[in-house]
N, C-alpha and C. Protein backbone atom coordinates (compact mmCIF):
# COMPACT_ATOMS: atom_id res chain seq x y z
N MET A 1 -55.34 10.37 -15.99
CA MET A 1 -54.33 9.34 -15.98
C MET A 1 -52.94 9.92 -15.77
N SER A 2 -52.68 11.08 -16.42
CA SER A 2 -51.37 11.69 -16.27
C SER A 2 -51.16 12.19 -14.84
N ARG A 3 -52.25 12.59 -14.21
CA ARG A 3 -52.16 13.04 -12.81
C ARG A 3 -51.75 11.87 -11.91
N LEU A 4 -52.30 10.68 -12.14
CA LEU A 4 -51.96 9.48 -11.38
C LEU A 4 -50.50 9.11 -11.60
N ALA A 5 -50.05 9.16 -12.85
CA ALA A 5 -48.66 8.84 -13.17
C ALA A 5 -47.71 9.83 -12.51
N ALA A 6 -48.07 11.11 -12.53
CA ALA A 6 -47.23 12.13 -11.89
C ALA A 6 -47.18 11.92 -10.38
N SER A 7 -48.30 11.55 -9.77
CA SER A 7 -48.34 11.30 -8.33
C SER A 7 -47.47 10.10 -7.96
N LEU A 8 -47.56 9.02 -8.74
CA LEU A 8 -46.74 7.84 -8.49
C LEU A 8 -45.25 8.15 -8.66
N ALA A 9 -44.92 8.93 -9.69
CA ALA A 9 -43.53 9.31 -9.90
C ALA A 9 -43.02 10.15 -8.74
N ALA A 10 -43.84 11.07 -8.23
CA ALA A 10 -43.44 11.91 -7.10
C ALA A 10 -43.21 11.06 -5.85
N ILE A 11 -44.08 10.07 -5.60
CA ILE A 11 -43.92 9.20 -4.44
C ILE A 11 -42.63 8.39 -4.54
N VAL A 12 -42.36 7.84 -5.72
CA VAL A 12 -41.13 7.06 -5.92
C VAL A 12 -39.91 7.94 -5.70
N LEU A 13 -39.91 9.16 -6.27
CA LEU A 13 -38.76 10.05 -6.12
C LEU A 13 -38.56 10.50 -4.68
N LEU A 14 -39.65 10.70 -3.95
CA LEU A 14 -39.53 11.14 -2.56
C LEU A 14 -39.06 10.01 -1.64
N THR A 15 -39.44 8.78 -1.93
CA THR A 15 -39.04 7.66 -1.06
C THR A 15 -37.70 7.06 -1.46
N LEU A 16 -37.18 7.38 -2.62
CA LEU A 16 -35.91 6.82 -3.08
C LEU A 16 -34.75 7.13 -2.14
N PRO A 17 -34.56 8.38 -1.67
CA PRO A 17 -33.44 8.63 -0.76
C PRO A 17 -33.56 7.83 0.53
N ALA A 18 -34.78 7.64 1.06
CA ALA A 18 -34.96 6.84 2.27
C ALA A 18 -34.58 5.38 2.02
N ARG A 19 -34.93 4.84 0.85
CA ARG A 19 -34.57 3.47 0.51
C ARG A 19 -33.05 3.32 0.41
N VAL A 20 -32.39 4.26 -0.22
CA VAL A 20 -30.94 4.20 -0.37
C VAL A 20 -30.27 4.25 1.00
N ARG A 21 -30.74 5.14 1.88
CA ARG A 21 -30.19 5.21 3.24
C ARG A 21 -30.42 3.91 3.97
N ALA A 22 -31.61 3.32 3.86
CA ALA A 22 -31.92 2.07 4.56
C ALA A 22 -31.04 0.94 4.06
N GLN A 23 -30.73 0.90 2.76
CA GLN A 23 -29.88 -0.15 2.24
C GLN A 23 -28.45 -0.01 2.73
N GLY A 24 -28.02 1.21 3.02
CA GLY A 24 -26.68 1.43 3.54
C GLY A 24 -26.53 0.92 4.96
N ASN A 25 -27.62 0.81 5.71
CA ASN A 25 -27.60 0.35 7.09
C ASN A 25 -28.19 -1.05 7.23
N VAL A 26 -27.93 -1.91 6.28
CA VAL A 26 -28.46 -3.27 6.32
C VAL A 26 -27.84 -4.02 7.49
N SER A 27 -28.66 -4.69 8.26
CA SER A 27 -28.14 -5.44 9.39
C SER A 27 -27.35 -6.64 8.89
N PRO A 28 -26.34 -7.07 9.66
CA PRO A 28 -25.56 -8.22 9.23
C PRO A 28 -26.43 -9.48 9.22
N PRO A 29 -26.09 -10.43 8.38
CA PRO A 29 -26.90 -11.64 8.30
C PRO A 29 -26.67 -12.55 9.50
N LEU A 30 -27.59 -13.45 9.73
CA LEU A 30 -27.39 -14.55 10.66
C LEU A 30 -26.95 -15.75 9.84
N GLU A 31 -26.12 -16.59 10.42
CA GLU A 31 -25.69 -17.81 9.75
C GLU A 31 -26.23 -19.01 10.54
N PHE A 32 -27.09 -19.79 9.91
CA PHE A 32 -27.65 -20.98 10.53
C PHE A 32 -26.95 -22.18 9.91
N GLY A 33 -26.62 -23.18 10.73
CA GLY A 33 -25.95 -24.33 10.16
C GLY A 33 -25.98 -25.56 11.03
N GLY A 34 -25.52 -26.64 10.44
CA GLY A 34 -25.38 -27.91 11.13
C GLY A 34 -24.13 -28.59 10.63
N ASP A 35 -23.53 -29.42 11.48
CA ASP A 35 -22.28 -30.08 11.14
C ASP A 35 -22.34 -31.58 11.42
N ALA A 36 -21.86 -32.37 10.49
CA ALA A 36 -21.56 -33.77 10.74
C ALA A 36 -20.15 -33.79 11.33
N ALA A 37 -19.84 -34.78 12.17
CA ALA A 37 -18.55 -34.77 12.84
C ALA A 37 -17.89 -36.14 12.82
N VAL A 38 -16.56 -36.12 12.75
CA VAL A 38 -15.75 -37.33 12.89
C VAL A 38 -14.68 -36.99 13.94
N PRO A 39 -15.00 -37.21 15.25
CA PRO A 39 -14.00 -36.94 16.28
C PRO A 39 -13.08 -38.15 16.50
N VAL A 40 -11.82 -37.88 16.79
CA VAL A 40 -10.85 -38.90 17.16
C VAL A 40 -10.42 -38.57 18.58
N LEU A 41 -10.74 -39.47 19.52
CA LEU A 41 -10.39 -39.28 20.92
C LEU A 41 -9.06 -39.95 21.20
N PHE A 42 -8.24 -39.35 22.06
CA PHE A 42 -6.94 -39.91 22.36
C PHE A 42 -6.93 -40.71 23.65
N ASN A 43 -7.87 -40.48 24.56
CA ASN A 43 -7.90 -41.21 25.82
C ASN A 43 -9.33 -41.43 26.23
N PRO A 44 -9.96 -42.55 26.08
CA PRO A 44 -9.43 -43.73 25.39
C PRO A 44 -9.44 -43.51 23.89
N SER A 45 -8.66 -44.28 23.19
CA SER A 45 -8.57 -44.14 21.74
C SER A 45 -9.85 -44.62 21.08
N ALA A 46 -10.48 -43.74 20.34
CA ALA A 46 -11.74 -44.09 19.67
C ALA A 46 -11.99 -43.13 18.53
N VAL A 47 -12.74 -43.60 17.54
CA VAL A 47 -13.21 -42.76 16.44
C VAL A 47 -14.73 -42.87 16.44
N VAL A 48 -15.42 -41.73 16.41
CA VAL A 48 -16.87 -41.70 16.45
C VAL A 48 -17.34 -40.92 15.23
N LEU A 49 -18.38 -41.41 14.56
CA LEU A 49 -18.93 -40.73 13.39
C LEU A 49 -20.37 -40.34 13.69
N THR A 50 -20.70 -39.06 13.57
CA THR A 50 -22.07 -38.60 13.78
C THR A 50 -22.57 -37.96 12.50
N ILE A 51 -23.55 -38.61 11.88
CA ILE A 51 -24.15 -38.15 10.63
C ILE A 51 -25.66 -38.25 10.80
N PRO A 52 -26.49 -37.40 10.32
CA PRO A 52 -26.18 -36.28 9.46
C PRO A 52 -25.74 -35.04 10.22
N VAL A 53 -26.16 -34.86 11.48
CA VAL A 53 -25.81 -33.63 12.19
C VAL A 53 -25.44 -33.94 13.62
N SER A 54 -24.27 -33.47 14.04
CA SER A 54 -23.88 -33.63 15.44
C SER A 54 -24.15 -32.37 16.24
N GLU A 55 -24.12 -31.21 15.58
CA GLU A 55 -24.34 -29.93 16.25
C GLU A 55 -25.15 -29.02 15.35
N VAL A 56 -25.91 -28.13 15.98
CA VAL A 56 -26.54 -27.04 15.24
C VAL A 56 -25.97 -25.74 15.79
N ARG A 57 -25.93 -24.72 14.94
CA ARG A 57 -25.27 -23.47 15.32
C ARG A 57 -25.96 -22.28 14.69
N VAL A 58 -25.74 -21.12 15.33
CA VAL A 58 -26.21 -19.83 14.81
C VAL A 58 -25.07 -18.85 14.95
N GLY A 59 -24.71 -18.18 13.85
CA GLY A 59 -23.63 -17.21 13.89
C GLY A 59 -24.17 -15.79 13.84
N TYR A 60 -23.64 -14.94 14.72
CA TYR A 60 -24.01 -13.53 14.79
C TYR A 60 -22.78 -12.71 14.41
N PHE A 61 -22.85 -11.99 13.28
CA PHE A 61 -21.72 -11.19 12.82
C PHE A 61 -21.64 -9.89 13.61
N VAL A 62 -20.51 -9.69 14.27
CA VAL A 62 -20.23 -8.44 14.99
C VAL A 62 -19.68 -7.43 13.99
N THR A 63 -18.80 -7.89 13.13
CA THR A 63 -18.26 -7.13 12.00
C THR A 63 -18.24 -8.11 10.82
N PRO A 64 -17.93 -7.65 9.61
CA PRO A 64 -17.84 -8.61 8.50
C PRO A 64 -16.77 -9.70 8.70
N GLN A 65 -15.81 -9.47 9.61
CA GLN A 65 -14.75 -10.45 9.84
C GLN A 65 -14.87 -11.21 11.16
N ILE A 66 -15.69 -10.73 12.09
CA ILE A 66 -15.81 -11.39 13.40
C ILE A 66 -17.24 -11.86 13.60
N GLU A 67 -17.36 -13.12 13.98
CA GLU A 67 -18.67 -13.75 14.15
C GLU A 67 -18.68 -14.51 15.48
N ILE A 68 -19.70 -14.30 16.28
CA ILE A 68 -19.90 -15.05 17.53
C ILE A 68 -20.86 -16.19 17.21
N GLU A 69 -20.49 -17.41 17.63
CA GLU A 69 -21.27 -18.57 17.21
C GLU A 69 -21.52 -19.53 18.37
N PRO A 70 -22.72 -19.51 18.93
CA PRO A 70 -23.08 -20.57 19.89
C PRO A 70 -23.52 -21.83 19.14
N ARG A 71 -23.23 -22.97 19.76
CA ARG A 71 -23.60 -24.28 19.20
C ARG A 71 -24.22 -25.12 20.30
N VAL A 72 -25.05 -26.05 19.89
CA VAL A 72 -25.63 -26.99 20.86
C VAL A 72 -25.63 -28.38 20.25
N ASN A 73 -25.38 -29.37 21.10
CA ASN A 73 -25.40 -30.78 20.73
C ASN A 73 -26.18 -31.49 21.83
N LEU A 74 -27.16 -32.29 21.46
CA LEU A 74 -27.97 -33.03 22.42
C LEU A 74 -28.02 -34.49 22.00
N ILE A 75 -27.69 -35.38 22.93
CA ILE A 75 -27.83 -36.82 22.72
C ILE A 75 -28.71 -37.34 23.84
N ALA A 76 -29.80 -37.99 23.48
CA ALA A 76 -30.71 -38.57 24.47
C ALA A 76 -31.04 -39.99 24.03
N ALA A 77 -30.89 -40.93 24.95
CA ALA A 77 -31.20 -42.33 24.67
C ALA A 77 -31.97 -42.91 25.84
N ASN A 78 -32.92 -43.78 25.52
CA ASN A 78 -33.76 -44.37 26.54
C ASN A 78 -34.07 -45.80 26.12
N GLY A 79 -33.90 -46.75 27.01
CA GLY A 79 -34.21 -48.14 26.69
C GLY A 79 -34.04 -49.03 27.90
N SER A 80 -34.89 -50.03 28.01
CA SER A 80 -34.85 -51.01 29.12
C SER A 80 -34.87 -50.32 30.48
N GLY A 81 -35.58 -49.21 30.58
CA GLY A 81 -35.69 -48.51 31.86
C GLY A 81 -34.52 -47.61 32.19
N ASP A 82 -33.49 -47.58 31.34
CA ASP A 82 -32.33 -46.72 31.56
C ASP A 82 -32.37 -45.54 30.60
N SER A 83 -31.78 -44.44 31.04
CA SER A 83 -31.71 -43.28 30.16
C SER A 83 -30.31 -42.68 30.21
N TYR A 84 -29.97 -42.01 29.13
CA TYR A 84 -28.69 -41.35 28.98
C TYR A 84 -28.95 -40.01 28.31
N THR A 85 -28.44 -38.94 28.89
CA THR A 85 -28.59 -37.62 28.30
C THR A 85 -27.24 -36.91 28.34
N GLU A 86 -26.87 -36.35 27.21
CA GLU A 86 -25.62 -35.61 27.09
C GLU A 86 -25.92 -34.30 26.36
N VAL A 87 -25.48 -33.19 26.94
CA VAL A 87 -25.69 -31.87 26.35
C VAL A 87 -24.34 -31.15 26.29
N HIS A 88 -24.03 -30.63 25.11
CA HIS A 88 -22.82 -29.82 24.91
C HIS A 88 -23.25 -28.42 24.46
N LEU A 89 -22.77 -27.41 25.15
CA LEU A 89 -22.96 -26.02 24.74
C LEU A 89 -21.58 -25.44 24.45
N THR A 90 -21.45 -24.85 23.28
CA THR A 90 -20.16 -24.31 22.85
C THR A 90 -20.36 -22.88 22.36
N VAL A 91 -19.42 -22.02 22.70
CA VAL A 91 -19.42 -20.66 22.16
C VAL A 91 -18.06 -20.42 21.53
N GLY A 92 -18.08 -20.03 20.26
CA GLY A 92 -16.86 -19.76 19.53
C GLY A 92 -16.88 -18.37 18.94
N ALA A 93 -15.71 -17.89 18.58
CA ALA A 93 -15.58 -16.59 17.91
C ALA A 93 -14.78 -16.83 16.63
N LEU A 94 -15.44 -16.69 15.50
CA LEU A 94 -14.78 -16.90 14.22
C LEU A 94 -14.11 -15.59 13.78
N TYR A 95 -12.86 -15.71 13.38
CA TYR A 95 -12.17 -14.58 12.76
C TYR A 95 -11.93 -14.96 11.30
N HIS A 96 -12.64 -14.28 10.40
CA HIS A 96 -12.52 -14.55 8.96
C HIS A 96 -11.33 -13.76 8.42
N LEU A 97 -10.46 -14.42 7.65
CA LEU A 97 -9.30 -13.73 7.10
C LEU A 97 -9.67 -12.77 5.99
N THR A 98 -10.84 -12.98 5.36
CA THR A 98 -11.36 -12.05 4.36
C THR A 98 -12.81 -11.74 4.71
N PRO A 99 -13.26 -10.50 4.52
CA PRO A 99 -14.63 -10.15 4.91
C PRO A 99 -15.71 -10.54 3.89
N SER A 100 -15.34 -10.86 2.67
CA SER A 100 -16.32 -11.08 1.61
C SER A 100 -16.86 -12.51 1.62
N ARG A 101 -18.19 -12.64 1.72
CA ARG A 101 -18.82 -13.95 1.65
C ARG A 101 -18.89 -14.47 0.22
N ALA A 102 -18.61 -13.63 -0.77
CA ALA A 102 -18.69 -14.03 -2.18
C ALA A 102 -17.53 -14.94 -2.57
N ALA A 103 -16.44 -14.93 -1.80
CA ALA A 103 -15.27 -15.77 -2.08
C ALA A 103 -15.06 -16.71 -0.90
N ALA A 104 -14.21 -17.71 -1.10
CA ALA A 104 -13.88 -18.64 -0.01
C ALA A 104 -13.32 -17.85 1.18
N GLN A 105 -13.81 -18.15 2.37
CA GLN A 105 -13.38 -17.44 3.57
C GLN A 105 -12.70 -18.42 4.53
N THR A 106 -11.41 -18.31 4.69
CA THR A 106 -10.70 -19.08 5.69
C THR A 106 -10.94 -18.40 7.04
N TYR A 107 -11.11 -19.20 8.09
CA TYR A 107 -11.35 -18.63 9.41
C TYR A 107 -10.63 -19.44 10.49
N VAL A 108 -10.42 -18.76 11.62
CA VAL A 108 -9.89 -19.38 12.83
C VAL A 108 -11.00 -19.26 13.87
N ARG A 109 -11.25 -20.37 14.63
CA ARG A 109 -12.36 -20.36 15.58
C ARG A 109 -11.90 -20.86 16.95
N PRO A 110 -11.47 -19.96 17.85
CA PRO A 110 -11.26 -20.39 19.23
C PRO A 110 -12.63 -20.60 19.88
N PHE A 111 -12.72 -21.57 20.81
CA PHE A 111 -14.01 -21.85 21.43
C PHE A 111 -13.85 -22.40 22.84
N ALA A 112 -14.93 -22.27 23.60
CA ALA A 112 -15.05 -22.84 24.94
C ALA A 112 -16.33 -23.67 24.95
N SER A 113 -16.27 -24.80 25.67
CA SER A 113 -17.39 -25.72 25.66
C SER A 113 -17.70 -26.17 27.08
N PHE A 114 -18.96 -26.41 27.34
CA PHE A 114 -19.42 -26.94 28.63
C PHE A 114 -20.35 -28.10 28.32
N SER A 115 -20.17 -29.23 29.03
CA SER A 115 -21.04 -30.38 28.77
C SER A 115 -21.50 -31.01 30.08
N THR A 116 -22.66 -31.62 30.01
CA THR A 116 -23.20 -32.40 31.13
C THR A 116 -23.62 -33.77 30.59
N VAL A 117 -23.42 -34.79 31.44
CA VAL A 117 -23.82 -36.16 31.10
C VAL A 117 -24.56 -36.73 32.30
N LYS A 118 -25.69 -37.37 32.03
CA LYS A 118 -26.50 -37.97 33.09
C LYS A 118 -26.93 -39.37 32.68
N PHE A 119 -26.56 -40.37 33.52
CA PHE A 119 -27.01 -41.75 33.36
C PHE A 119 -28.08 -42.01 34.41
N THR A 120 -28.98 -42.93 34.13
CA THR A 120 -29.97 -43.34 35.12
C THR A 120 -29.25 -43.83 36.38
N GLY A 121 -29.67 -43.33 37.54
CA GLY A 121 -29.11 -43.80 38.80
C GLY A 121 -27.73 -43.28 39.14
N SER A 122 -27.19 -42.35 38.38
CA SER A 122 -25.87 -41.80 38.69
C SER A 122 -25.94 -40.29 38.77
N ASP A 123 -24.92 -39.72 39.37
CA ASP A 123 -24.85 -38.26 39.45
C ASP A 123 -24.52 -37.68 38.09
N GLU A 124 -24.95 -36.44 37.89
CA GLU A 124 -24.63 -35.74 36.65
C GLU A 124 -23.16 -35.35 36.68
N THR A 125 -22.46 -35.57 35.56
CA THR A 125 -21.07 -35.13 35.46
C THR A 125 -21.01 -33.91 34.55
N ARG A 126 -20.09 -33.03 34.89
CA ARG A 126 -19.92 -31.79 34.12
C ARG A 126 -18.47 -31.67 33.72
N ALA A 127 -18.25 -31.08 32.55
CA ALA A 127 -16.88 -30.89 32.07
C ALA A 127 -16.79 -29.63 31.23
N GLY A 128 -15.62 -29.04 31.24
CA GLY A 128 -15.35 -27.87 30.42
C GLY A 128 -14.19 -28.16 29.48
N ALA A 129 -14.20 -27.52 28.33
CA ALA A 129 -13.15 -27.74 27.34
C ALA A 129 -12.81 -26.42 26.65
N LEU A 130 -11.60 -26.33 26.16
CA LEU A 130 -11.15 -25.22 25.34
C LEU A 130 -10.57 -25.80 24.06
N GLY A 131 -10.71 -25.05 22.96
CA GLY A 131 -10.19 -25.56 21.70
C GLY A 131 -10.03 -24.47 20.67
N ILE A 132 -9.54 -24.91 19.51
CA ILE A 132 -9.37 -24.01 18.39
C ILE A 132 -9.60 -24.79 17.09
N GLY A 133 -10.23 -24.12 16.15
CA GLY A 133 -10.50 -24.75 14.86
C GLY A 133 -10.00 -23.88 13.72
N LEU A 134 -9.74 -24.54 12.60
CA LEU A 134 -9.35 -23.86 11.37
C LEU A 134 -10.24 -24.41 10.27
N GLY A 135 -10.92 -23.50 9.57
CA GLY A 135 -11.86 -23.95 8.55
C GLY A 135 -11.96 -22.99 7.40
N VAL A 136 -12.86 -23.32 6.48
CA VAL A 136 -13.10 -22.48 5.32
C VAL A 136 -14.59 -22.54 4.98
N LYS A 137 -15.14 -21.40 4.62
CA LYS A 137 -16.52 -21.33 4.13
C LYS A 137 -16.45 -21.22 2.61
N LEU A 138 -16.99 -22.22 1.94
CA LEU A 138 -16.97 -22.24 0.48
C LEU A 138 -18.36 -21.87 -0.01
N PRO A 139 -18.52 -20.68 -0.61
CA PRO A 139 -19.86 -20.21 -0.99
C PRO A 139 -20.48 -21.08 -2.09
N MET A 140 -21.79 -21.24 -1.95
CA MET A 140 -22.61 -21.91 -2.97
C MET A 140 -23.77 -20.96 -3.25
N GLY A 141 -23.55 -20.02 -4.15
CA GLY A 141 -24.51 -18.95 -4.36
C GLY A 141 -24.30 -17.87 -3.32
N SER A 142 -25.29 -17.02 -3.13
CA SER A 142 -25.13 -15.90 -2.20
C SER A 142 -25.60 -16.21 -0.78
N ARG A 143 -26.39 -17.28 -0.58
CA ARG A 143 -26.94 -17.53 0.75
C ARG A 143 -26.56 -18.87 1.36
N PHE A 144 -25.72 -19.65 0.69
CA PHE A 144 -25.35 -20.97 1.20
C PHE A 144 -23.84 -21.14 1.18
N ALA A 145 -23.34 -22.01 2.07
CA ALA A 145 -21.90 -22.29 2.09
C ALA A 145 -21.67 -23.70 2.62
N PHE A 146 -20.67 -24.37 2.05
CA PHE A 146 -20.16 -25.63 2.58
C PHE A 146 -19.03 -25.26 3.51
N ARG A 147 -18.94 -25.93 4.67
CA ARG A 147 -18.03 -25.46 5.70
C ARG A 147 -17.25 -26.61 6.35
N PRO A 148 -16.12 -27.02 5.79
CA PRO A 148 -15.27 -28.00 6.47
C PRO A 148 -14.37 -27.31 7.50
N GLU A 149 -14.13 -27.99 8.61
CA GLU A 149 -13.28 -27.45 9.67
C GLU A 149 -12.56 -28.58 10.38
N LEU A 150 -11.32 -28.35 10.75
CA LEU A 150 -10.55 -29.27 11.58
C LEU A 150 -10.30 -28.55 12.89
N ASP A 151 -10.66 -29.21 14.01
CA ASP A 151 -10.43 -28.54 15.29
C ASP A 151 -9.77 -29.47 16.29
N PHE A 152 -9.19 -28.86 17.32
CA PHE A 152 -8.58 -29.56 18.44
C PHE A 152 -9.21 -29.02 19.70
N ALA A 153 -9.55 -29.91 20.64
CA ALA A 153 -10.10 -29.48 21.92
C ALA A 153 -9.53 -30.33 23.05
N HIS A 154 -9.41 -29.73 24.21
CA HIS A 154 -8.95 -30.44 25.40
C HIS A 154 -10.01 -30.26 26.49
N THR A 155 -10.49 -31.39 27.01
CA THR A 155 -11.45 -31.39 28.12
C THR A 155 -10.65 -31.52 29.41
N PHE A 156 -10.99 -30.68 30.38
CA PHE A 156 -10.25 -30.64 31.64
C PHE A 156 -10.89 -31.57 32.67
N ALA A 157 -10.05 -32.21 33.50
CA ALA A 157 -10.50 -33.17 34.51
C ALA A 157 -11.36 -32.49 35.58
N GLY A 158 -12.26 -33.28 36.15
CA GLY A 158 -13.11 -32.81 37.24
C GLY A 158 -14.41 -33.58 37.26
N ASP A 159 -15.04 -33.72 38.43
CA ASP A 159 -16.34 -34.41 38.57
C ASP A 159 -16.38 -35.73 37.82
N ASP A 160 -15.51 -36.65 38.14
CA ASP A 160 -15.47 -37.97 37.49
C ASP A 160 -15.17 -37.90 36.00
N VAL A 161 -14.57 -36.81 35.54
CA VAL A 161 -14.19 -36.66 34.14
C VAL A 161 -12.66 -36.58 34.09
N GLU A 162 -12.06 -37.37 33.21
CA GLU A 162 -10.61 -37.34 33.06
C GLU A 162 -10.22 -36.35 31.97
N ASP A 163 -8.95 -35.91 32.03
CA ASP A 163 -8.42 -35.09 30.93
C ASP A 163 -8.57 -35.88 29.63
N GLU A 164 -8.97 -35.17 28.59
CA GLU A 164 -9.14 -35.83 27.30
C GLU A 164 -8.87 -34.82 26.20
N SER A 165 -8.15 -35.24 25.17
CA SER A 165 -7.91 -34.40 23.99
C SER A 165 -8.52 -35.08 22.79
N ARG A 166 -8.95 -34.27 21.83
CA ARG A 166 -9.53 -34.83 20.61
C ARG A 166 -9.23 -33.93 19.43
N VAL A 167 -9.17 -34.55 18.28
CA VAL A 167 -9.12 -33.84 17.01
C VAL A 167 -10.40 -34.20 16.30
N GLN A 168 -11.01 -33.23 15.64
CA GLN A 168 -12.32 -33.47 15.04
C GLN A 168 -12.41 -32.82 13.66
N LEU A 169 -12.97 -33.55 12.73
CA LEU A 169 -13.28 -33.01 11.42
C LEU A 169 -14.77 -32.72 11.39
N LEU A 170 -15.13 -31.48 11.11
CA LEU A 170 -16.53 -31.08 10.96
C LEU A 170 -16.81 -30.82 9.49
N LEU A 171 -17.91 -31.33 9.01
CA LEU A 171 -18.36 -31.07 7.65
C LEU A 171 -19.73 -30.42 7.76
N GLY A 172 -19.79 -29.11 7.53
CA GLY A 172 -21.01 -28.37 7.78
C GLY A 172 -21.61 -27.73 6.55
N PHE A 173 -22.83 -27.29 6.74
CA PHE A 173 -23.59 -26.58 5.72
C PHE A 173 -24.20 -25.37 6.39
N SER A 174 -24.08 -24.20 5.77
CA SER A 174 -24.60 -22.96 6.33
C SER A 174 -25.63 -22.32 5.40
N VAL A 175 -26.60 -21.65 6.03
CA VAL A 175 -27.61 -20.86 5.32
C VAL A 175 -27.59 -19.47 5.96
N TYR A 176 -27.47 -18.43 5.14
CA TYR A 176 -27.45 -17.06 5.63
C TYR A 176 -28.85 -16.46 5.54
N SER A 177 -29.20 -15.62 6.51
CA SER A 177 -30.54 -15.01 6.52
C SER A 177 -30.76 -14.06 5.34
N HIS A 178 -29.71 -13.41 4.85
CA HIS A 178 -29.80 -12.55 3.66
C HIS A 178 -28.40 -12.28 3.12
């Protein structure tokens, strides 16, 4: 029995330095999330509410303070022989003012967006937009965060799309991979 205990102790002691080294090189977490949105459009004037989720997103941390975040939004409707499809793809870069996820993290998020809209019997329209957001990640334990953000975006004219500006309130929830 003592021989077994000594062997187990030797294995633990020999693998301990490898474990410590591996923990020092932990890969950054992924951030998965979804956002409810309340956009206010200026041309034409309108307020739209999308609940529970208007967009889904995945954040890839480049450093503890910089995160690349693609988002996707899909709206599809079909009825009476007509269909409507709208797809928004957005890529943003979050700059966190503090690197620690254990405390509230204020961030700035510049972003670029591309969207397509297709109605039955009409040509597909495409539009591009640029914007910036200001938000905060409020931790809820070590792997969850509530994430409110206020952003501004401007859609540029082209392909039957007029210039349009909007202000949007996002209310999001995030889950970290580790």
